[in-house]
C-alpha atoms as a PDB file:
ATOM      1  CA  UNK A   1      99.809 -26.293-170.524  1.00  0.00           C
ATOM      2  CA  UNK A   2     100.062 -29.471-172.606  1.00  0.00           C
ATOM      3  CA  UNK A   3     101.570 -29.205-176.078  1.00  0.00           C
ATOM      4  CA  UNK A   4     100.588 -31.704-178.762  1.00  0.00           C
ATOM      5  CA  UNK A   5     103.170 -32.573-181.378  1.00  0.00           C
ATOM      6  CA  UNK A   6     102.726 -34.034-184.850  1.00  0.00           C
ATOM      7  CA  UNK A   7     105.406 -36.211-186.443  1.00  0.00           C
ATOM      8  CA  UNK A   8     105.938 -37.375-190.033  1.00  0.00           C
ATOM      9  CA  UNK A   9     104.310 -40.709-191.003  1.00  0.00           C
ATOM     10  CA  UNK A  10     107.654 -42.069-192.267  1.00  0.00           C
ATOM     11  CA  UNK A  11     111.292 -42.076-191.144  1.00  0.00           C
ATOM     12  CA  UNK A  12     114.683 -43.219-192.388  1.00  0.00           C
ATOM     13  CA  UNK A  13     115.991 -46.509-190.968  1.00  0.00           C
ATOM     14  CA  UNK A  14     119.599 -47.684-191.388  1.00  0.00           C
ATOM     15  CA  UNK A  15     120.863 -51.254-191.192  1.00  0.00           C
ATOM     16  CA  UNK A  16     123.937 -51.060-188.947  1.00  0.00           C
ATOM     17  CA  UNK A  17     125.593 -54.162-190.457  1.00  0.00           C
ATOM     18  CA  UNK A  18     125.541 -53.120-194.131  1.00  0.00           C
ATOM     19  CA  UNK A  19     124.895 -49.345-193.966  1.00  0.00           C
ATOM     20  CA  UNK A  20     121.831 -49.494-196.247  1.00  0.00           C
ATOM     21  CA  UNK A  21     119.051 -47.004-195.552  1.00  0.00           C
ATOM     22  CA  UNK A  22     115.379 -47.123-196.440  1.00  0.00           C
ATOM     23  CA  UNK A  23     112.186 -45.219-195.775  1.00  0.00           C
ATOM     24  CA  UNK A  24     109.938 -46.957-193.237  1.00  0.00           C
ATOM     25  CA  UNK A  25     106.291 -46.355-192.331  1.00  0.00           C
ATOM     26  CA  UNK A  26     105.854 -45.376-188.652  1.00  0.00           C
ATOM     27  CA  UNK A  27     103.233 -47.483-186.854  1.00  0.00           C
ATOM     28  CA  UNK A  28     103.570 -46.372-183.203  1.00  0.00           C
ATOM     29  CA  UNK A  29     105.806 -43.648-181.796  1.00  0.00           C
ATOM     30  CA  UNK A  30     106.562 -42.302-178.320  1.00  0.00           C
ATOM     31  CA  UNK A  31     109.205 -39.572-178.415  1.00  0.00           C
ATOM     32  CA  UNK A  32     112.446 -40.631-176.665  1.00  0.00           C
ATOM     33  CA  UNK A  33     110.912 -44.004-175.666  1.00  0.00           C
ATOM     34  CA  UNK A  34     110.143 -46.352-178.562  1.00  0.00           C
ATOM     35  CA  UNK A  35     108.743 -46.688-182.055  1.00  0.00           C
ATOM     36  CA  UNK A  36     107.560 -49.483-184.296  1.00  0.00           C
ATOM     37  CA  UNK A  37     107.933 -49.243-188.054  1.00  0.00           C
ATOM     38  CA  UNK A  38     107.018 -51.273-191.114  1.00  0.00           C
ATOM     39  CA  UNK A  39     109.861 -51.947-193.538  1.00  0.00           C
ATOM     40  CA  UNK A  40     108.605 -53.758-196.645  1.00  0.00           C
ATOM     41  CA  UNK A  41     105.608 -55.167-194.677  1.00  0.00           C
ATOM     42  CA  UNK A  42     107.866 -56.407-191.826  1.00  0.00           C
ATOM     43  CA  UNK A  43     107.244 -54.805-188.425  1.00  0.00           C
ATOM     44  CA  UNK A  44     110.339 -53.819-186.427  1.00  0.00           C
ATOM     45  CA  UNK A  45     110.288 -52.469-182.850  1.00  0.00           C
ATOM     46  CA  UNK A  46     112.995 -49.972-181.886  1.00  0.00           C
ATOM     47  CA  UNK A  47     113.791 -48.705-178.377  1.00  0.00           C
ATOM     48  CA  UNK A  48     115.313 -45.286-177.684  1.00  0.00           C
ATOM     49  CA  UNK A  49     118.973 -45.446-176.610  1.00  0.00           C
ATOM     50  CA  UNK A  50     120.105 -42.486-174.487  1.00  0.00           C
ATOM     51  CA  UNK A  51     123.821 -43.058-175.221  1.00  0.00           C
ATOM     52  CA  UNK A  52     123.449 -42.744-179.000  1.00  0.00           C
ATOM     53  CA  UNK A  53     120.231 -40.660-179.128  1.00  0.00           C
ATOM     54  CA  UNK A  54     118.886 -43.178-181.668  1.00  0.00           C
ATOM     55  CA  UNK A  55     116.074 -45.719-181.799  1.00  0.00           C
ATOM     56  CA  UNK A  56     117.647 -49.190-182.089  1.00  0.00           C
ATOM     57  CA  UNK A  57     116.064 -52.576-182.781  1.00  0.00           C
ATOM     58  CA  UNK A  58     116.844 -56.044-184.144  1.00  0.00           C
ATOM     59  CA  UNK A  59     115.046 -58.211-186.682  1.00  0.00           C
ATOM     60  CA  UNK A  60     116.147 -61.361-188.541  1.00  0.00           C
ATOM     61  CA  UNK A  61     119.682 -61.146-187.144  1.00  0.00           C
ATOM     62  CA  UNK A  62     120.184 -57.551-188.328  1.00  0.00           C
ATOM     63  CA  UNK A  63     120.369 -54.434-186.175  1.00  0.00           C
ATOM     64  CA  UNK A  64     118.627 -51.232-187.266  1.00  0.00           C
ATOM     65  CA  UNK A  65     118.858 -47.616-186.110  1.00  0.00           C
ATOM     66  CA  UNK A  66     116.851 -44.461-186.752  1.00  0.00           C
ATOM     67  CA  UNK A  67     116.683 -40.874-185.574  1.00  0.00           C
ATOM     68  CA  UNK A  68     112.890 -41.240-185.625  1.00  0.00           C
ATOM     69  CA  UNK A  69     110.281 -39.321-187.601  1.00  0.00           C
ATOM     70  CA  UNK A  70     110.725 -35.608-188.235  1.00  0.00           C
ATOM     71  CA  UNK A  71     108.722 -33.221-186.066  1.00  0.00           C
ATOM     72  CA  UNK A  72     106.124 -31.443-188.198  1.00  0.00           C
ATOM     73  CA  UNK A  73     104.730 -29.033-185.615  1.00  0.00           C
ATOM     74  CA  UNK A  74     103.222 -28.404-182.180  1.00  0.00           C
ATOM     75  CA  UNK A  75      99.966 -26.870-180.989  1.00  0.00           C
ATOM     76  CA  UNK A  76      98.023 -26.416-177.763  1.00  0.00           C
END
């Protein structure tokens, strides 16, 4: 049986270089694969990294990481 899962429309993204965090709007999300987010109107693509269990991506010479959006619930 297939379970459908709903995730939050936003997630926390951290800049690895300076440690600053911000709330980003989730555009596309595939659990444990990739996600794309909008941070202050700038789109950033992040790929899932199995070693760190984080989504990691680069933009404008900075590297960003995120645990992804929170799971809100599942249904059949």
